[in-house]
All heavy atoms as atom14 arrays in JSON, in Angstrom:
{
  "sequence": "RNNDERGRSARLVARKLDELRKHEGKLSNWVNLEHGGKL",
  "atom14_mask": [
    [1, 1, 1, 1, 1, 1, 1, 1, 1, 1, 1, 0, 0, 0],
    [1, 1, 1, 1, 1, 1, 1, 1, 0, 0, 0, 0, 0, 0],
    [1, 1, 1, 1, 1, 1, 1, 1, 0, 0, 0, 0, 0, 0],
    [1, 1, 1, 1, 1, 1, 1, 1, 0, 0, 0, 0, 0, 0],
    [1, 1, 1, 1, 1, 1, 1, 1, 1, 0, 0, 0, 0, 0],
    [1, 1, 1, 1, 1, 1, 1, 1, 1, 1, 1, 0, 0, 0],
    [1, 1, 1, 1, 0, 0, 0, 0, 0, 0, 0, 0, 0, 0],
    [1, 1, 1, 1, 1, 1, 1, 1, 1, 1, 1, 0, 0, 0],
    [1, 1, 1, 1, 1, 1, 0, 0, 0, 0, 0, 0, 0, 0],
    [1, 1, 1, 1, 1, 0, 0, 0, 0, 0, 0, 0, 0, 0],
    [1, 1, 1, 1, 1, 1, 1, 1, 1, 1, 1, 0, 0, 0],
    [1, 1, 1, 1, 1, 1, 1, 1, 0, 0, 0, 0, 0, 0],
    [1, 1, 1, 1, 1, 1, 1, 0, 0, 0, 0, 0, 0, 0],
    [1, 1, 1, 1, 1, 0, 0, 0, 0, 0, 0, 0, 0, 0],
    [1, 1, 1, 1, 1, 1, 1, 1, 1, 1, 1, 0, 0, 0],
    [1, 1, 1, 1, 1, 1, 1, 1, 1, 0, 0, 0, 0, 0],
    [1, 1, 1, 1, 1, 1, 1, 1, 0, 0, 0, 0, 0, 0],
    [1, 1, 1, 1, 1, 1, 1, 1, 0, 0, 0, 0, 0, 0],
    [1, 1, 1, 1, 1, 1, 1, 1, 1, 0, 0, 0, 0, 0],
    [1, 1, 1, 1, 1, 1, 1, 1, 0, 0, 0, 0, 0, 0],
    [1, 1, 1, 1, 1, 1, 1, 1, 1, 1, 1, 0, 0, 0],
    [1, 1, 1, 1, 1, 1, 1, 1, 1, 0, 0, 0, 0, 0],
    [1, 1, 1, 1, 1, 1, 1, 1, 1, 1, 0, 0, 0, 0],
    [1, 1, 1, 1, 1, 1, 1, 1, 1, 0, 0, 0, 0, 0],
    [1, 1, 1, 1, 0, 0, 0, 0, 0, 0, 0, 0, 0, 0],
    [1, 1, 1, 1, 1, 1, 1, 1, 1, 0, 0, 0, 0, 0],
    [1, 1, 1, 1, 1, 1, 1, 1, 0, 0, 0, 0, 0, 0],
    [1, 1, 1, 1, 1, 1, 0, 0, 0, 0, 0, 0, 0, 0],
    [1, 1, 1, 1, 1, 1, 1, 1, 0, 0, 0, 0, 0, 0],
    [1, 1, 1, 1, 1, 1, 1, 1, 1, 1, 1, 1, 1, 1],
    [1, 1, 1, 1, 1, 1, 1, 0, 0, 0, 0, 0, 0, 0],
    [1, 1, 1, 1, 1, 1, 1, 1, 0, 0, 0, 0, 0, 0],
    [1, 1, 1, 1, 1, 1, 1, 1, 0, 0, 0, 0, 0, 0],
    [1, 1, 1, 1, 1, 1, 1, 1, 1, 0, 0, 0, 0, 0],
    [1, 1, 1, 1, 1, 1, 1, 1, 1, 1, 0, 0, 0, 0],
    [1, 1, 1, 1, 0, 0, 0, 0, 0, 0, 0, 0, 0, 0],
    [1, 1, 1, 1, 0, 0, 0, 0, 0, 0, 0, 0, 0, 0],
    [1, 1, 1, 1, 1, 1, 1, 1, 1, 0, 0, 0, 0, 0],
    [1, 1, 1, 1, 1, 1, 1, 1, 0, 0, 0, 0, 0, 0]
  ],
  "atom14_positions": [
    [[0.81, -1.22, 0.0], [0.0, 0.0, 0.0], [0.84, 1.26, 0.0], [0.3, 2.36, -0.05], [-0.96, 0.0, 1.2], [-2.04, -1.07, 1.12], [-3.0, -0.99, 2.31], [-4.08, -1.95, 2.18], [-4.0, -3.2, 2.55], [-2.85, -3.66, 3.1], [-5.02, -4.03, 2.42], [0.0, 0.0, 0.0], [0.0, 0.0, 0.0], [0.0, 0.0, 0.0]],
    [[2.15, 1.13, 0.05], [3.02, 2.3, 0.05], [3.0, 3.01, -1.3], [3.02, 2.36, -2.35], [4.47, 1.91, 0.37], [4.66, 1.5, 1.82], [3.7, 1.25, 2.55], [5.91, 1.44, 2.24], [0.0, 0.0, 0.0], [0.0, 0.0, 0.0], [0.0, 0.0, 0.0], [0.0, 0.0, 0.0], [0.0, 0.0, 0.0], [0.0, 0.0, 0.0]],
    [[2.94, 4.31, -1.26], [2.93, 5.1, -2.5], [4.34, 5.53, -2.85], [4.62, 6.69, -3.09], [2.02, 6.32, -2.34], [1.74, 7.02, -3.65], [1.78, 6.4, -4.71], [1.49, 8.3, -3.58], [0.0, 0.0, 0.0], [0.0, 0.0, 0.0], [0.0, 0.0, 0.0], [0.0, 0.0, 0.0], [0.0, 0.0, 0.0], [0.0, 0.0, 0.0]],
    [[5.26, 4.57, -2.9], [6.64, 4.86, -3.25], [7.2, 3.7, -4.08], [6.45, 2.82, -4.5], [7.5, 5.09, -2.0], [7.45, 3.93, -1.0], [6.98, 2.82, -1.37], [7.89, 4.1, 0.16], [0.0, 0.0, 0.0], [0.0, 0.0, 0.0], [0.0, 0.0, 0.0], [0.0, 0.0, 0.0], [0.0, 0.0, 0.0], [0.0, 0.0, 0.0]],
    [[8.51, 3.72, -4.31], [9.12, 2.69, -5.15], [9.01, 1.31, -4.53], [8.82, 0.32, -5.23], [10.59, 3.04, -5.4], [11.26, 2.2, -6.49], [10.7, 2.46, -7.86], [10.06, 3.52, -8.05], [10.9, 1.62, -8.75], [0.0, 0.0, 0.0], [0.0, 0.0, 0.0], [0.0, 0.0, 0.0], [0.0, 0.0, 0.0], [0.0, 0.0, 0.0]],
    [[9.12, 1.23, -3.2], [8.99, -0.08, -2.55], [7.59, -0.64, -2.71], [7.42, -1.84, -2.92], [9.37, 0.03, -1.08], [10.84, 0.32, -0.83], [11.21, 0.27, 0.63], [10.45, 1.24, 1.41], [10.57, 1.38, 2.72], [11.42, 0.61, 3.4], [9.87, 2.29, 3.37], [0.0, 0.0, 0.0], [0.0, 0.0, 0.0], [0.0, 0.0, 0.0]],
    [[6.59, 0.23, -2.62], [5.22, -0.2, -2.83], [4.99, -0.68, -4.25], [4.32, -1.69, -4.49], [0.0, 0.0, 0.0], [0.0, 0.0, 0.0], [0.0, 0.0, 0.0], [0.0, 0.0, 0.0], [0.0, 0.0, 0.0], [0.0, 0.0, 0.0], [0.0, 0.0, 0.0], [0.0, 0.0, 0.0], [0.0, 0.0, 0.0], [0.0, 0.0, 0.0]],
    [[5.56, 0.03, -5.21], [5.43, -0.36, -6.61], [6.08, -1.72, -6.84], [5.52, -2.58, -7.5], [6.09, 0.69, -7.5], [5.89, 0.43, -8.99], [6.89, 1.2, -9.81], [8.22, 0.62, -9.69], [8.7, -0.37, -10.45], [7.95, -0.91, -11.38], [9.92, -0.81, -10.26], [0.0, 0.0, 0.0], [0.0, 0.0, 0.0], [0.0, 0.0, 0.0]],
    [[7.27, -1.91, -6.28], [7.97, -3.19, -6.44], [7.17, -4.34, -5.82], [7.07, -5.42, -6.41], [9.36, -3.11, -5.8], [10.17, -2.16, -6.46], [0.0, 0.0, 0.0], [0.0, 0.0, 0.0], [0.0, 0.0, 0.0], [0.0, 0.0, 0.0], [0.0, 0.0, 0.0], [0.0, 0.0, 0.0], [0.0, 0.0, 0.0], [0.0, 0.0, 0.0]],
    [[6.62, -4.1, -4.62], [5.84, -5.14, -3.94], [4.63, -5.54, -4.77], [4.31, -6.73, -4.89], [5.41, -4.66, -2.56], [0.0, 0.0, 0.0], [0.0, 0.0, 0.0], [0.0, 0.0, 0.0], [0.0, 0.0, 0.0], [0.0, 0.0, 0.0], [0.0, 0.0, 0.0], [0.0, 0.0, 0.0], [0.0, 0.0, 0.0], [0.0, 0.0, 0.0]],
    [[3.95, -4.57, -5.35], [2.76, -4.87, -6.16], [3.14, -5.58, -7.45], [2.43, -6.49, -7.9], [2.0, -3.57, -6.45], [1.37, -2.94, -5.23], [0.48, -1.77, -5.6], [1.22, -0.63, -6.14], [1.75, 0.35, -5.4], [1.64, 0.31, -4.07], [2.39, 1.36, -5.96], [0.0, 0.0, 0.0], [0.0, 0.0, 0.0], [0.0, 0.0, 0.0]],
    [[4.26, -5.18, -8.06], [4.71, -5.83, -9.29], [5.06, -7.29, -9.04], [4.7, -8.18, -9.82], [5.91, -5.09, -9.86], [6.54, -5.68, -11.14], [5.51, -5.77, -12.26], [7.74, -4.84, -11.59], [0.0, 0.0, 0.0], [0.0, 0.0, 0.0], [0.0, 0.0, 0.0], [0.0, 0.0, 0.0], [0.0, 0.0, 0.0], [0.0, 0.0, 0.0]],
    [[5.76, -7.56, -7.94], [6.11, -8.95, -7.61], [4.85, -9.78, -7.39], [4.77, -10.92, -7.85], [7.01, -8.98, -6.35], [7.2, -10.42, -5.88], [8.36, -8.36, -6.67], [0.0, 0.0, 0.0], [0.0, 0.0, 0.0], [0.0, 0.0, 0.0], [0.0, 0.0, 0.0], [0.0, 0.0, 0.0], [0.0, 0.0, 0.0], [0.0, 0.0, 0.0]],
    [[3.88, -9.21, -6.71], [2.63, -9.92, -6.46], [1.94, -10.3, -7.77], [1.44, -11.42, -7.93], [1.7, -9.08, -5.59], [0.0, 0.0, 0.0], [0.0, 0.0, 0.0], [0.0, 0.0, 0.0], [0.0, 0.0, 0.0], [0.0, 0.0, 0.0], [0.0, 0.0, 0.0], [0.0, 0.0, 0.0], [0.0, 0.0, 0.0], [0.0, 0.0, 0.0]],
    [[1.93, -9.37, -8.73], [1.3, -9.65, -10.03], [2.06, -10.74, -10.78], [1.46, -11.63, -11.38], [1.23, -8.37, -10.87], [0.23, -7.35, -10.37], [-0.05, -6.29, -11.41], [1.13, -5.49, -11.72], [1.47, -4.38, -11.07], [0.71, -3.93, -10.08], [2.54, -3.7, -11.42], [0.0, 0.0, 0.0], [0.0, 0.0, 0.0], [0.0, 0.0, 0.0]],
    [[3.39, -10.68, -10.75], [4.2, -11.67, -11.45], [4.0, -13.07, -10.84], [3.89, -14.07, -11.56], [5.68, -11.28, -11.4], [6.03, -10.05, -12.23], [5.81, -10.3, -13.71], [6.21, -9.09, -14.54], [5.97, -9.33, -16.0], [0.0, 0.0, 0.0], [0.0, 0.0, 0.0], [0.0, 0.0, 0.0], [0.0, 0.0, 0.0], [0.0, 0.0, 0.0]],
    [[3.95, -13.14, -9.52], [3.74, -14.43, -8.86], [2.34, -14.97, -9.14], [2.16, -16.18, -9.32], [3.96, -14.29, -7.35], [5.41, -14.04, -6.9], [5.45, -13.82, -5.4], [6.31, -15.21, -7.29], [0.0, 0.0, 0.0], [0.0, 0.0, 0.0], [0.0, 0.0, 0.0], [0.0, 0.0, 0.0], [0.0, 0.0, 0.0], [0.0, 0.0, 0.0]],
    [[1.38, -14.07, -9.2], [0.01, -14.51, -9.51], [-0.08, -15.06, -10.93], [-0.78, -16.05, -11.18], [-0.96, -13.34, -9.33], [-2.43, -13.79, -9.36], [-2.77, -14.75, -8.65], [-3.21, -13.17, -10.09], [0.0, 0.0, 0.0], [0.0, 0.0, 0.0], [0.0, 0.0, 0.0], [0.0, 0.0, 0.0], [0.0, 0.0, 0.0], [0.0, 0.0, 0.0]],
    [[0.64, -14.43, -11.88], [0.67, -14.95, -13.25], [1.3, -16.34, -13.3], [0.8, -17.23, -14.0], [1.45, -13.98, -14.14], [0.75, -12.66, -14.4], [1.62, -11.69, -15.18], [2.72, -12.12, -15.64], [1.23, -10.52, -15.34], [0.0, 0.0, 0.0], [0.0, 0.0, 0.0], [0.0, 0.0, 0.0], [0.0, 0.0, 0.0], [0.0, 0.0, 0.0]],
    [[2.4, -16.53, -12.56], [3.03, -17.85, -12.52], [2.08, -18.88, -11.92], [2.0, -20.02, -12.39], [4.31, -17.79, -11.69], [5.54, -17.14, -12.34], [6.67, -17.03, -11.33], [5.99, -17.96, -13.55], [0.0, 0.0, 0.0], [0.0, 0.0, 0.0], [0.0, 0.0, 0.0], [0.0, 0.0, 0.0], [0.0, 0.0, 0.0], [0.0, 0.0, 0.0]],
    [[1.37, -18.49, -10.87], [0.43, -19.4, -10.22], [-0.67, -19.85, -11.18], [-1.05, -21.02, -11.22], [-0.17, -18.73, -8.99], [-1.13, -19.57, -8.2], [-1.77, -18.76, -7.08], [-2.52, -17.62, -7.6], [-3.76, -17.72, -8.1], [-4.37, -18.9, -8.16], [-4.38, -16.63, -8.54], [0.0, 0.0, 0.0], [0.0, 0.0, 0.0], [0.0, 0.0, 0.0]],
    [[-1.17, -18.9, -11.98], [-2.26, -19.2, -12.91], [-1.81, -20.08, -14.07], [-2.55, -20.97, -14.51], [-2.85, -17.91, -13.45], [-3.64, -17.1, -12.42], [-4.15, -15.81, -13.04], [-4.96, -15.0, -12.02], [-5.42, -13.7, -12.59], [0.0, 0.0, 0.0], [0.0, 0.0, 0.0], [0.0, 0.0, 0.0], [0.0, 0.0, 0.0], [0.0, 0.0, 0.0]],
    [[-0.6, -19.85, -14.57], [-0.15, -20.53, -15.78], [0.7, -21.77, -15.51], [0.76, -22.68, -16.34], [0.63, -19.56, -16.68], [-0.2, -18.43, -17.2], [-0.15, -17.18, -16.66], [-1.1, -18.38, -18.23], [-0.99, -16.38, -17.33], [-1.58, -17.09, -18.28], [0.0, 0.0, 0.0], [0.0, 0.0, 0.0], [0.0, 0.0, 0.0], [0.0, 0.0, 0.0]],
    [[1.39, -21.82, -14.38], [2.33, -22.91, -14.14], [1.93, -23.83, -12.99], [2.49, -24.91, -12.83], [3.73, -22.34, -13.85], [4.32, -21.52, -15.0], [4.59, -22.34, -16.23], [4.77, -23.58, -16.1], [4.62, -21.76, -17.34], [0.0, 0.0, 0.0], [0.0, 0.0, 0.0], [0.0, 0.0, 0.0], [0.0, 0.0, 0.0], [0.0, 0.0, 0.0]],
    [[0.98, -23.4, -12.17], [0.52, -24.25, -11.08], [0.86, -23.69, -9.7], [1.28, -22.55, -9.56], [0.0, 0.0, 0.0], [0.0, 0.0, 0.0], [0.0, 0.0, 0.0], [0.0, 0.0, 0.0], [0.0, 0.0, 0.0], [0.0, 0.0, 0.0], [0.0, 0.0, 0.0], [0.0, 0.0, 0.0], [0.0, 0.0, 0.0], [0.0, 0.0, 0.0]],
    [[0.65, -24.49, -8.67], [0.84, -24.06, -7.29], [2.29, -23.67, -7.02], [3.22, -24.39, -7.38], [0.42, -25.17, -6.33], [-1.08, -25.51, -6.37], [-1.41, -26.59, -5.38], [-2.91, -26.9, -5.4], [-3.24, -27.99, -4.42], [0.0, 0.0, 0.0], [0.0, 0.0, 0.0], [0.0, 0.0, 0.0], [0.0, 0.0, 0.0], [0.0, 0.0, 0.0]],
    [[2.46, -22.52, -6.34], [3.8, -22.03, -6.03], [4.44, -22.79, -4.87], [5.63, -22.62, -4.6], [3.76, -20.53, -5.71], [3.28, -19.61, -6.83], [3.28, -18.16, -6.38], [4.14, -19.77, -8.08], [0.0, 0.0, 0.0], [0.0, 0.0, 0.0], [0.0, 0.0, 0.0], [0.0, 0.0, 0.0], [0.0, 0.0, 0.0], [0.0, 0.0, 0.0]],
    [[3.64, -23.63, -4.19], [4.22, -24.48, -3.15], [5.04, -25.61, -3.76], [5.81, -26.26, -3.05], [3.11, -25.05, -2.26], [2.14, -25.76, -3.04], [0.0, 0.0, 0.0], [0.0, 0.0, 0.0], [0.0, 0.0, 0.0], [0.0, 0.0, 0.0], [0.0, 0.0, 0.0], [0.0, 0.0, 0.0], [0.0, 0.0, 0.0], [0.0, 0.0, 0.0]],
    [[4.86, -25.83, -5.06], [5.69, -26.77, -5.82], [6.57, -25.98, -6.78], [6.36, -24.78, -7.0], [4.81, -27.75, -6.6], [3.9, -28.56, -5.7], [4.3, -29.03, -4.64], [2.63, -28.71, -6.1], [0.0, 0.0, 0.0], [0.0, 0.0, 0.0], [0.0, 0.0, 0.0], [0.0, 0.0, 0.0], [0.0, 0.0, 0.0], [0.0, 0.0, 0.0]],
    [[7.56, -26.62, -7.35], [8.42, -25.96, -8.31], [7.64, -25.62, -9.58], [6.99, -26.48, -10.14], [9.62, -26.83, -8.68], [10.61, -27.03, -7.56], [10.82, -28.17, -6.85], [11.5, -26.05, -7.04], [11.8, -27.98, -5.91], [12.24, -26.66, -6.01], [11.77, -24.71, -7.33], [13.21, -26.01, -5.26], [12.74, -24.06, -6.59], [13.44, -24.69, -5.58]],
    [[7.69, -24.36, -9.99], [7.06, -23.94, -11.25], [8.15, -23.5, -12.22], [9.2, -23.02, -11.8], [6.04, -22.81, -11.03], [4.89, -23.28, -10.13], [6.7, -21.57, -10.45], [0.0, 0.0, 0.0], [0.0, 0.0, 0.0], [0.0, 0.0, 0.0], [0.0, 0.0, 0.0], [0.0, 0.0, 0.0], [0.0, 0.0, 0.0], [0.0, 0.0, 0.0]],
    [[7.89, -23.69, -13.49], [8.88, -23.39, -14.52], [8.93, -21.89, -14.84], [7.89, -21.22, -14.89], [8.58, -24.17, -15.8], [8.71, -25.67, -15.61], [9.64, -26.16, -14.95], [7.77, -26.44, -16.18], [0.0, 0.0, 0.0], [0.0, 0.0, 0.0], [0.0, 0.0, 0.0], [0.0, 0.0, 0.0], [0.0, 0.0, 0.0], [0.0, 0.0, 0.0]],
    [[10.14, -21.38, -15.05], [10.35, -20.01, -15.49], [10.78, -20.0, -16.95], [11.27, -21.0, -17.47], [11.42, -19.33, -14.63], [11.13, -19.27, -13.12], [12.32, -18.68, -12.38], [9.87, -18.47, -12.85], [0.0, 0.0, 0.0], [0.0, 0.0, 0.0], [0.0, 0.0, 0.0], [0.0, 0.0, 0.0], [0.0, 0.0, 0.0], [0.0, 0.0, 0.0]],
    [[10.62, -18.85, -17.61], [10.89, -18.76, -19.04], [12.34, -19.07, -19.39], [12.63, -19.62, -20.44], [10.54, -17.37, -19.56], [9.04, -17.09, -19.59], [8.74, -15.73, -20.18], [9.71, -15.05, -20.62], [7.57, -15.33, -20.22], [0.0, 0.0, 0.0], [0.0, 0.0, 0.0], [0.0, 0.0, 0.0], [0.0, 0.0, 0.0], [0.0, 0.0, 0.0]],
    [[13.28, -18.72, -18.52], [14.69, -18.91, -18.81], [15.18, -20.33, -18.55], [16.35, -20.62, -18.67], [15.56, -17.92, -18.04], [15.34, -17.93, -16.54], [15.58, -19.04, -15.76], [14.91, -16.97, -15.71], [15.3, -18.76, -14.5], [14.9, -17.51, -14.44], [0.0, 0.0, 0.0], [0.0, 0.0, 0.0], [0.0, 0.0, 0.0], [0.0, 0.0, 0.0]],
    [[14.27, -21.2, -18.16], [14.64, -22.58, -17.91], [14.83, -22.94, -16.46], [15.01, -24.11, -16.12], [0.0, 0.0, 0.0], [0.0, 0.0, 0.0], [0.0, 0.0, 0.0], [0.0, 0.0, 0.0], [0.0, 0.0, 0.0], [0.0, 0.0, 0.0], [0.0, 0.0, 0.0], [0.0, 0.0, 0.0], [0.0, 0.0, 0.0], [0.0, 0.0, 0.0]],
    [[14.79, -21.95, -15.58], [14.91, -22.22, -14.17], [13.57, -22.57, -13.54], [12.54, -22.73, -14.22], [0.0, 0.0, 0.0], [0.0, 0.0, 0.0], [0.0, 0.0, 0.0], [0.0, 0.0, 0.0], [0.0, 0.0, 0.0], [0.0, 0.0, 0.0], [0.0, 0.0, 0.0], [0.0, 0.0, 0.0], [0.0, 0.0, 0.0], [0.0, 0.0, 0.0]],
    [[13.55, -22.67, -12.21], [12.34, -22.99, -11.47], [12.2, -22.05, -10.27], [13.19, -21.51, -9.78], [12.35, -24.45, -11.02], [12.32, -25.47, -12.15], [12.34, -26.89, -11.62], [12.3, -27.92, -12.75], [11.0, -27.88, -13.48], [0.0, 0.0, 0.0], [0.0, 0.0, 0.0], [0.0, 0.0, 0.0], [0.0, 0.0, 0.0], [0.0, 0.0, 0.0]],
    [[10.98, -21.91, -9.8], [10.72, -21.04, -8.66], [9.74, -21.72, -7.71], [8.85, -22.46, -8.13], [10.15, -19.68, -9.12], [9.84, -18.66, -8.01], [10.25, -17.26, -8.44], [8.36, -18.65, -7.64], [0.0, 0.0, 0.0], [0.0, 0.0, 0.0], [0.0, 0.0, 0.0], [0.0, 0.0, 0.0], [0.0, 0.0, 0.0], [0.0, 0.0, 0.0]]
  ]
}
């Protein structure tokens, strides 16, 4: 909820993780990343 760079970064990370969750599956398991790694 911060109106600064840290708040922007936190919201961006949340959106990216949500996209991974929707397309790759549960984040409690290893999900594939575009560069070949896992998260």
